[in-house]
Amino acid sequence: MKALIETTLKIPVFDGAESIVYPSATLEITGHPATLAGDGMAKVREAEVTINLWYTDKSARDTGAALLLATLDTQSGISVPDCLNYYDTTAKKFRSVISFNYIPREET
């Protein structure tokens, strides 16, 4: 997911521990327990993904969010993303919060 964001928007992605530059993105992936099938075996593991886009310019934020949403729309295994755009008064930056569920492909 990190590479997809960096490739699509050409901005760095941070995990929150590093100093943030602008524009940039932060990425948080939270795992969910596996779903059980009738045989009691775990069948599907999914993750909740939250992407924060940080910009100093509103227009650039809107363009970046739209571009990333269009790119996510072409990916398999994700739910329809929610997107919230606003001005973060604490950080004093324009922010997009994009969240969705993701089911990783099984390794073959």
N, C-alpha and C. Protein backbone atom coordinates (compact mmCIF):
# COMPACT_ATOMS: atom_id res chain seq x y z
N MET A 1 0.83 -1.19 0.00
CA MET A 1 0.00 0.00 0.00
C MET A 1 0.88 1.26 0.00
N LYS A 2 1.99 1.22 0.75
CA LYS A 2 2.89 2.37 0.80
C LYS A 2 3.42 2.70 -0.59
N ALA A 3 3.85 1.68 -1.33
CA ALA A 3 4.38 1.90 -2.67
C ALA A 3 3.32 2.46 -3.61
N LEU A 4 2.08 1.99 -3.47
CA LEU A 4 0.99 2.48 -4.32
C LEU A 4 0.78 3.97 -4.10
N ILE A 5 0.81 4.42 -2.85
CA ILE A 5 0.62 5.84 -2.54
C ILE A 5 1.79 6.66 -3.09
N GLU A 6 3.02 6.19 -2.83
CA GLU A 6 4.21 6.92 -3.28
C GLU A 6 4.26 7.02 -4.80
N THR A 7 3.91 5.93 -5.48
CA THR A 7 3.92 5.92 -6.94
C THR A 7 2.82 6.80 -7.52
N THR A 8 1.63 6.74 -6.95
CA THR A 8 0.50 7.50 -7.47
C THR A 8 0.65 8.99 -7.25
N LEU A 9 1.03 9.39 -6.04
CA LEU A 9 1.06 10.82 -5.69
C LEU A 9 2.45 11.44 -5.73
N LYS A 10 3.48 10.60 -5.80
CA LYS A 10 4.87 11.07 -5.82
C LYS A 10 5.19 11.93 -4.59
N ILE A 11 4.69 11.45 -3.42
CA ILE A 11 4.99 12.10 -2.15
C ILE A 11 5.45 11.03 -1.17
N PRO A 12 6.23 11.40 -0.15
CA PRO A 12 6.68 10.39 0.82
C PRO A 12 5.55 9.93 1.73
N VAL A 13 5.69 8.69 2.20
CA VAL A 13 4.72 8.12 3.15
C VAL A 13 5.46 7.82 4.44
N PHE A 14 4.91 8.28 5.56
CA PHE A 14 5.54 8.11 6.87
C PHE A 14 4.67 7.23 7.75
N ASP A 15 5.30 6.59 8.72
CA ASP A 15 4.54 5.74 9.65
C ASP A 15 4.15 6.49 10.92
N GLY A 16 4.48 7.75 11.01
CA GLY A 16 4.11 8.56 12.17
C GLY A 16 5.27 8.79 13.12
N ALA A 17 6.32 7.97 13.05
CA ALA A 17 7.45 8.12 13.96
C ALA A 17 8.46 9.13 13.43
N GLU A 18 8.40 9.41 12.14
CA GLU A 18 9.37 10.32 11.53
C GLU A 18 8.80 11.73 11.46
N SER A 19 9.68 12.70 11.24
CA SER A 19 9.22 14.07 11.01
C SER A 19 8.50 14.12 9.67
N ILE A 20 7.40 14.83 9.64
CA ILE A 20 6.60 14.91 8.42
C ILE A 20 6.99 16.14 7.63
N VAL A 21 7.13 15.96 6.31
CA VAL A 21 7.30 17.07 5.39
C VAL A 21 6.00 17.19 4.61
N TYR A 22 5.80 18.31 3.95
CA TYR A 22 4.54 18.53 3.23
C TYR A 22 4.81 18.83 1.78
N PRO A 23 4.09 18.23 0.84
CA PRO A 23 3.01 17.27 1.04
C PRO A 23 3.57 15.90 1.38
N SER A 24 2.77 15.11 2.07
CA SER A 24 3.15 13.74 2.42
C SER A 24 1.90 12.98 2.83
N ALA A 25 2.11 11.71 3.16
CA ALA A 25 1.02 10.85 3.61
C ALA A 25 1.48 10.07 4.82
N THR A 26 0.54 9.74 5.68
CA THR A 26 0.80 8.78 6.75
C THR A 26 -0.14 7.61 6.52
N LEU A 27 0.33 6.42 6.86
CA LEU A 27 -0.39 5.19 6.57
C LEU A 27 -0.49 4.37 7.84
N GLU A 28 -1.70 3.91 8.15
CA GLU A 28 -1.93 3.03 9.29
C GLU A 28 -2.75 1.84 8.82
N ILE A 29 -2.22 0.64 9.08
CA ILE A 29 -2.92 -0.59 8.73
C ILE A 29 -3.15 -1.37 10.02
N THR A 30 -4.43 -1.61 10.30
CA THR A 30 -4.82 -2.32 11.51
C THR A 30 -5.44 -3.64 11.12
N GLY A 31 -4.92 -4.74 11.64
CA GLY A 31 -5.45 -6.06 11.31
C GLY A 31 -6.73 -6.38 12.06
N HIS A 32 -7.55 -7.20 11.45
CA HIS A 32 -8.77 -7.70 12.06
C HIS A 32 -8.64 -9.21 12.21
N PRO A 33 -9.29 -9.80 13.19
CA PRO A 33 -9.24 -11.25 13.32
C PRO A 33 -9.84 -11.92 12.08
N ALA A 34 -9.39 -13.13 11.82
CA ALA A 34 -9.89 -13.88 10.68
C ALA A 34 -11.35 -14.26 10.90
N THR A 35 -12.07 -14.37 9.80
CA THR A 35 -13.45 -14.83 9.83
C THR A 35 -13.44 -16.36 9.83
N LEU A 36 -14.31 -16.97 10.61
CA LEU A 36 -14.36 -18.42 10.66
C LEU A 36 -15.43 -18.94 9.71
N ALA A 37 -15.09 -20.03 9.04
CA ALA A 37 -16.05 -20.70 8.17
C ALA A 37 -16.71 -21.82 8.97
N GLY A 38 -17.64 -22.53 8.33
CA GLY A 38 -18.39 -23.60 9.02
C GLY A 38 -17.52 -24.70 9.58
N ASP A 39 -16.33 -24.90 9.00
CA ASP A 39 -15.44 -25.94 9.50
C ASP A 39 -14.55 -25.45 10.64
N GLY A 40 -14.74 -24.20 11.05
CA GLY A 40 -13.97 -23.66 12.17
C GLY A 40 -12.59 -23.17 11.78
N MET A 41 -12.26 -23.20 10.50
CA MET A 41 -10.95 -22.76 10.03
C MET A 41 -11.02 -21.28 9.61
N ALA A 42 -9.96 -20.56 9.88
CA ALA A 42 -9.90 -19.16 9.46
C ALA A 42 -9.84 -19.10 7.94
N LYS A 43 -10.70 -18.26 7.37
CA LYS A 43 -10.78 -18.18 5.92
C LYS A 43 -10.32 -16.84 5.36
N VAL A 44 -10.70 -15.75 5.99
CA VAL A 44 -10.40 -14.43 5.43
C VAL A 44 -9.82 -13.55 6.52
N ARG A 45 -8.70 -12.96 6.23
CA ARG A 45 -8.14 -11.94 7.12
C ARG A 45 -8.25 -10.62 6.37
N GLU A 46 -8.72 -9.63 7.06
CA GLU A 46 -8.81 -8.33 6.42
C GLU A 46 -8.15 -7.30 7.32
N ALA A 47 -7.82 -6.18 6.73
CA ALA A 47 -7.19 -5.10 7.46
C ALA A 47 -7.96 -3.81 7.20
N GLU A 48 -7.96 -2.95 8.19
CA GLU A 48 -8.52 -1.61 8.01
C GLU A 48 -7.35 -0.68 7.71
N VAL A 49 -7.47 0.05 6.62
CA VAL A 49 -6.40 0.94 6.18
C VAL A 49 -6.87 2.38 6.32
N THR A 50 -6.03 3.22 6.92
CA THR A 50 -6.31 4.64 7.01
C THR A 50 -5.11 5.39 6.43
N ILE A 51 -5.39 6.22 5.44
CA ILE A 51 -4.36 7.03 4.79
C ILE A 51 -4.69 8.49 5.08
N ASN A 52 -3.72 9.20 5.62
CA ASN A 52 -3.86 10.65 5.84
C ASN A 52 -2.98 11.36 4.83
N LEU A 53 -3.57 12.22 4.03
CA LEU A 53 -2.81 13.05 3.10
C LEU A 53 -2.68 14.43 3.70
N TRP A 54 -1.47 14.98 3.68
CA TRP A 54 -1.19 16.27 4.30
C TRP A 54 -0.66 17.23 3.25
N TYR A 55 -1.31 18.37 3.10
CA TYR A 55 -0.90 19.38 2.12
C TYR A 55 -0.97 20.77 2.74
N THR A 56 -0.19 21.69 2.18
CA THR A 56 -0.26 23.09 2.59
C THR A 56 -1.23 23.87 1.71
N ASP A 57 -1.68 23.26 0.60
CA ASP A 57 -2.56 23.91 -0.36
C ASP A 57 -3.84 23.09 -0.53
N LYS A 58 -4.98 23.73 -0.42
CA LYS A 58 -6.27 23.04 -0.52
C LYS A 58 -6.48 22.40 -1.89
N SER A 59 -6.17 23.14 -2.94
CA SER A 59 -6.35 22.62 -4.30
C SER A 59 -5.49 21.38 -4.54
N ALA A 60 -4.25 21.42 -4.08
CA ALA A 60 -3.35 20.26 -4.23
C ALA A 60 -3.88 19.07 -3.43
N ARG A 61 -4.42 19.34 -2.24
CA ARG A 61 -5.01 18.27 -1.43
C ARG A 61 -6.18 17.63 -2.15
N ASP A 62 -7.06 18.45 -2.71
CA ASP A 62 -8.23 17.93 -3.43
C ASP A 62 -7.81 17.10 -4.64
N THR A 63 -6.82 17.58 -5.37
CA THR A 63 -6.32 16.85 -6.54
C THR A 63 -5.67 15.54 -6.12
N GLY A 64 -4.85 15.57 -5.08
CA GLY A 64 -4.19 14.36 -4.59
C GLY A 64 -5.18 13.32 -4.10
N ALA A 65 -6.18 13.75 -3.35
CA ALA A 65 -7.19 12.82 -2.83
C ALA A 65 -7.97 12.18 -3.99
N ALA A 66 -8.36 12.99 -4.97
CA ALA A 66 -9.11 12.47 -6.11
C ALA A 66 -8.27 11.47 -6.90
N LEU A 67 -7.00 11.77 -7.09
CA LEU A 67 -6.10 10.87 -7.83
C LEU A 67 -5.92 9.55 -7.09
N LEU A 68 -5.71 9.62 -5.78
CA LEU A 68 -5.53 8.39 -5.01
C LEU A 68 -6.82 7.57 -4.97
N LEU A 69 -7.96 8.22 -4.82
CA LEU A 69 -9.24 7.50 -4.84
C LEU A 69 -9.46 6.81 -6.17
N ALA A 70 -9.13 7.47 -7.28
CA ALA A 70 -9.27 6.86 -8.60
C ALA A 70 -8.34 5.66 -8.75
N THR A 71 -7.14 5.76 -8.20
CA THR A 71 -6.20 4.64 -8.26
C THR A 71 -6.68 3.49 -7.39
N LEU A 72 -7.17 3.79 -6.19
CA LEU A 72 -7.69 2.74 -5.32
C LEU A 72 -8.88 2.02 -5.95
N ASP A 73 -9.65 2.75 -6.74
CA ASP A 73 -10.82 2.18 -7.41
C ASP A 73 -10.43 1.07 -8.39
N THR A 74 -9.19 1.08 -8.86
CA THR A 74 -8.72 0.07 -9.81
C THR A 74 -8.13 -1.16 -9.11
N GLN A 75 -7.99 -1.10 -7.80
CA GLN A 75 -7.36 -2.18 -7.05
C GLN A 75 -8.40 -3.22 -6.62
N SER A 76 -8.00 -4.48 -6.60
CA SER A 76 -8.92 -5.52 -6.13
C SER A 76 -8.70 -5.75 -4.64
N GLY A 77 -9.73 -6.26 -3.99
CA GLY A 77 -9.62 -6.63 -2.58
C GLY A 77 -9.85 -5.52 -1.60
N ILE A 78 -10.35 -4.35 -2.05
CA ILE A 78 -10.62 -3.28 -1.10
C ILE A 78 -12.09 -2.87 -1.18
N SER A 79 -12.60 -2.38 -0.06
CA SER A 79 -13.96 -1.86 -0.03
C SER A 79 -13.97 -0.45 -0.64
N VAL A 80 -15.15 0.09 -0.84
CA VAL A 80 -15.26 1.46 -1.35
C VAL A 80 -14.70 2.40 -0.28
N PRO A 81 -13.69 3.19 -0.63
CA PRO A 81 -13.08 4.07 0.37
C PRO A 81 -13.99 5.21 0.81
N ASP A 82 -13.88 5.56 2.09
CA ASP A 82 -14.48 6.79 2.61
C ASP A 82 -13.41 7.86 2.55
N CYS A 83 -13.81 9.09 2.26
CA CYS A 83 -12.84 10.18 2.21
C CYS A 83 -13.42 11.41 2.90
N LEU A 84 -12.65 11.95 3.81
CA LEU A 84 -13.03 13.16 4.53
C LEU A 84 -11.95 14.21 4.28
N ASN A 85 -12.32 15.33 3.68
CA ASN A 85 -11.39 16.43 3.43
C ASN A 85 -11.70 17.58 4.38
N TYR A 86 -10.66 18.12 5.01
CA TYR A 86 -10.88 19.26 5.91
C TYR A 86 -9.56 19.97 6.19
N TYR A 87 -9.66 21.12 6.84
CA TYR A 87 -8.49 21.85 7.29
C TYR A 87 -8.24 21.46 8.74
N ASP A 88 -7.09 20.87 9.01
CA ASP A 88 -6.73 20.45 10.36
C ASP A 88 -6.21 21.66 11.12
N THR A 89 -7.00 22.13 12.08
CA THR A 89 -6.64 23.36 12.79
C THR A 89 -5.47 23.16 13.76
N THR A 90 -5.23 21.94 14.18
CA THR A 90 -4.09 21.69 15.06
C THR A 90 -2.79 21.70 14.27
N ALA A 91 -2.75 20.96 13.16
CA ALA A 91 -1.55 20.89 12.33
C ALA A 91 -1.42 22.10 11.41
N LYS A 92 -2.54 22.82 11.23
CA LYS A 92 -2.59 23.96 10.31
C LYS A 92 -2.21 23.53 8.89
N LYS A 93 -2.81 22.40 8.47
CA LYS A 93 -2.59 21.85 7.13
C LYS A 93 -3.91 21.33 6.58
N PHE A 94 -3.99 21.25 5.26
CA PHE A 94 -5.16 20.66 4.62
C PHE A 94 -4.97 19.15 4.63
N ARG A 95 -6.01 18.44 5.01
CA ARG A 95 -5.89 17.00 5.28
C ARG A 95 -7.02 16.23 4.61
N SER A 96 -6.68 15.08 4.07
CA SER A 96 -7.66 14.10 3.60
C SER A 96 -7.45 12.83 4.40
N VAL A 97 -8.53 12.27 4.90
CA VAL A 97 -8.47 10.98 5.59
C VAL A 97 -9.25 9.99 4.74
N ILE A 98 -8.54 9.01 4.20
CA ILE A 98 -9.14 8.00 3.34
C ILE A 98 -9.06 6.67 4.09
N SER A 99 -10.20 6.01 4.23
CA SER A 99 -10.20 4.74 4.96
C SER A 99 -11.01 3.70 4.20
N PHE A 100 -10.57 2.45 4.33
CA PHE A 100 -11.23 1.33 3.66
C PHE A 100 -10.75 0.03 4.27
N ASN A 101 -11.46 -1.05 3.97
CA ASN A 101 -11.04 -2.39 4.37
C ASN A 101 -10.33 -3.04 3.20
N TYR A 102 -9.34 -3.85 3.53
CA TYR A 102 -8.48 -4.47 2.52
C TYR A 102 -8.33 -5.95 2.84
N ILE A 103 -8.52 -6.78 1.83
CA ILE A 103 -8.30 -8.23 1.98
C ILE A 103 -7.08 -8.57 1.11
N PRO A 104 -5.93 -8.84 1.74
CA PRO A 104 -4.74 -9.15 0.96
C PRO A 104 -4.91 -10.43 0.16
N ARG A 105 -4.26 -10.50 -0.98
CA ARG A 105 -4.28 -11.70 -1.81
C ARG A 105 -3.52 -12.80 -1.09
N GLU A 106 -4.00 -14.03 -1.27
CA GLU A 106 -3.29 -15.16 -0.69
C GLU A 106 -2.04 -15.45 -1.51
N GLU A 107 -0.97 -15.79 -0.82
CA GLU A 107 0.27 -16.16 -1.50
C GLU A 107 0.10 -17.53 -2.14
N THR A 108 0.61 -17.67 -3.36
CA THR A 108 0.52 -18.97 -4.04
C THR A 108 1.86 -19.61 -4.16
